[in-house]
Amino acid sequence: MSRQIASAYQQVTVAELEARVRGLETQVAHLTEMLEALTEERD
């Protein structure tokens, strides 16, 4: 994720934050699925 520079900081809307959270939740779900698949392969 990009970093904000203090002088160029812009207010983030609630909708943008919600979209970021949804994206992160999706990434976590994919990582969880991959981890479970890798764990099953080791058994």
N, C-alpha and C. Protein backbone atom coordinates (compact mmCIF):
# COMPACT_ATOMS: atom_id res chain seq x y z
N MET A 1 0.85 -1.17 0.00
CA MET A 1 0.00 0.00 0.00
C MET A 1 0.90 1.23 0.00
N SER A 2 0.50 2.22 -0.75
CA SER A 2 1.32 3.42 -0.84
C SER A 2 1.25 4.24 0.45
N ARG A 3 2.30 4.97 0.71
CA ARG A 3 2.35 5.82 1.90
C ARG A 3 1.94 7.23 1.51
N GLN A 4 1.31 7.90 2.43
CA GLN A 4 0.90 9.28 2.21
C GLN A 4 2.02 10.21 2.69
N ILE A 5 2.31 11.24 1.89
CA ILE A 5 3.26 12.27 2.31
C ILE A 5 2.43 13.36 2.98
N ALA A 6 2.89 13.82 4.14
CA ALA A 6 2.10 14.74 4.96
C ALA A 6 1.60 15.95 4.18
N SER A 7 2.41 16.54 3.34
CA SER A 7 1.99 17.74 2.62
C SER A 7 0.99 17.43 1.51
N ALA A 8 0.91 16.20 1.08
CA ALA A 8 0.01 15.83 -0.02
C ALA A 8 -1.15 14.96 0.47
N TYR A 9 -1.34 14.90 1.78
CA TYR A 9 -2.38 14.04 2.35
C TYR A 9 -3.76 14.52 1.95
N GLN A 10 -4.59 13.57 1.53
CA GLN A 10 -5.98 13.88 1.20
C GLN A 10 -6.88 13.02 2.08
N GLN A 11 -7.98 13.60 2.49
CA GLN A 11 -8.93 12.89 3.35
C GLN A 11 -9.48 11.67 2.61
N VAL A 12 -9.56 10.55 3.29
CA VAL A 12 -10.08 9.32 2.71
C VAL A 12 -11.55 9.19 3.12
N THR A 13 -12.38 8.81 2.16
CA THR A 13 -13.81 8.68 2.46
C THR A 13 -14.08 7.32 3.11
N VAL A 14 -15.23 7.25 3.76
CA VAL A 14 -15.64 5.99 4.38
C VAL A 14 -15.77 4.91 3.32
N ALA A 15 -16.31 5.26 2.17
CA ALA A 15 -16.47 4.28 1.08
C ALA A 15 -15.12 3.73 0.63
N GLU A 16 -14.11 4.60 0.56
CA GLU A 16 -12.77 4.14 0.16
C GLU A 16 -12.18 3.21 1.20
N LEU A 17 -12.37 3.54 2.47
CA LEU A 17 -11.88 2.67 3.53
C LEU A 17 -12.59 1.32 3.51
N GLU A 18 -13.90 1.34 3.29
CA GLU A 18 -14.65 0.08 3.21
C GLU A 18 -14.16 -0.76 2.05
N ALA A 19 -13.87 -0.12 0.92
CA ALA A 19 -13.36 -0.86 -0.24
C ALA A 19 -12.00 -1.47 0.06
N ARG A 20 -11.14 -0.73 0.76
CA ARG A 20 -9.83 -1.27 1.15
C ARG A 20 -9.99 -2.46 2.08
N VAL A 21 -10.89 -2.35 3.04
CA VAL A 21 -11.12 -3.45 3.99
C VAL A 21 -11.63 -4.68 3.25
N ARG A 22 -12.58 -4.50 2.33
CA ARG A 22 -13.08 -5.64 1.54
C ARG A 22 -11.95 -6.29 0.75
N GLY A 23 -11.08 -5.47 0.17
CA GLY A 23 -9.95 -6.02 -0.57
C GLY A 23 -9.02 -6.82 0.33
N LEU A 24 -8.75 -6.29 1.52
CA LEU A 24 -7.89 -7.00 2.47
C LEU A 24 -8.54 -8.29 2.94
N GLU A 25 -9.85 -8.26 3.18
CA GLU A 25 -10.55 -9.48 3.59
C GLU A 25 -10.47 -10.53 2.49
N THR A 26 -10.57 -10.12 1.25
CA THR A 26 -10.46 -11.06 0.13
C THR A 26 -9.07 -11.66 0.07
N GLN A 27 -8.05 -10.82 0.26
CA GLN A 27 -6.68 -11.32 0.23
C GLN A 27 -6.44 -12.31 1.37
N VAL A 28 -6.94 -12.02 2.55
CA VAL A 28 -6.79 -12.93 3.68
C VAL A 28 -7.48 -14.26 3.40
N ALA A 29 -8.66 -14.20 2.80
CA ALA A 29 -9.38 -15.44 2.46
C ALA A 29 -8.58 -16.28 1.48
N HIS A 30 -7.98 -15.65 0.47
CA HIS A 30 -7.17 -16.39 -0.50
C HIS A 30 -5.94 -16.99 0.17
N LEU A 31 -5.29 -16.22 1.02
CA LEU A 31 -4.12 -16.74 1.71
C LEU A 31 -4.48 -17.90 2.62
N THR A 32 -5.63 -17.81 3.29
CA THR A 32 -6.10 -18.89 4.15
C THR A 32 -6.33 -20.16 3.33
N GLU A 33 -6.98 -20.01 2.18
CA GLU A 33 -7.22 -21.17 1.31
C GLU A 33 -5.91 -21.80 0.85
N MET A 34 -4.94 -20.96 0.47
CA MET A 34 -3.65 -21.49 0.02
C MET A 34 -2.93 -22.21 1.15
N LEU A 35 -2.98 -21.63 2.35
CA LEU A 35 -2.34 -22.26 3.50
C LEU A 35 -2.98 -23.60 3.83
N GLU A 36 -4.30 -23.65 3.77
CA GLU A 36 -5.00 -24.91 4.03
C GLU A 36 -4.64 -25.96 2.98
N ALA A 37 -4.55 -25.53 1.72
CA ALA A 37 -4.19 -26.47 0.66
C ALA A 37 -2.77 -26.99 0.86
N LEU A 38 -1.85 -26.11 1.23
CA LEU A 38 -0.46 -26.53 1.46
C LEU A 38 -0.38 -27.46 2.67
N THR A 39 -1.16 -27.18 3.69
CA THR A 39 -1.16 -28.01 4.90
C THR A 39 -1.69 -29.41 4.57
N GLU A 40 -2.74 -29.48 3.74
CA GLU A 40 -3.30 -30.77 3.36
C GLU A 40 -2.30 -31.58 2.54
N GLU A 41 -1.50 -30.91 1.71
CA GLU A 41 -0.51 -31.60 0.89
C GLU A 41 0.56 -32.26 1.73
N ARG A 42 0.86 -31.68 2.89
CA ARG A 42 1.90 -32.22 3.76
C ARG A 42 1.44 -33.44 4.52
N ASP A 43 0.14 -33.62 4.66
CA ASP A 43 -0.39 -34.76 5.43
C ASP A 43 -0.28 -36.05 4.67
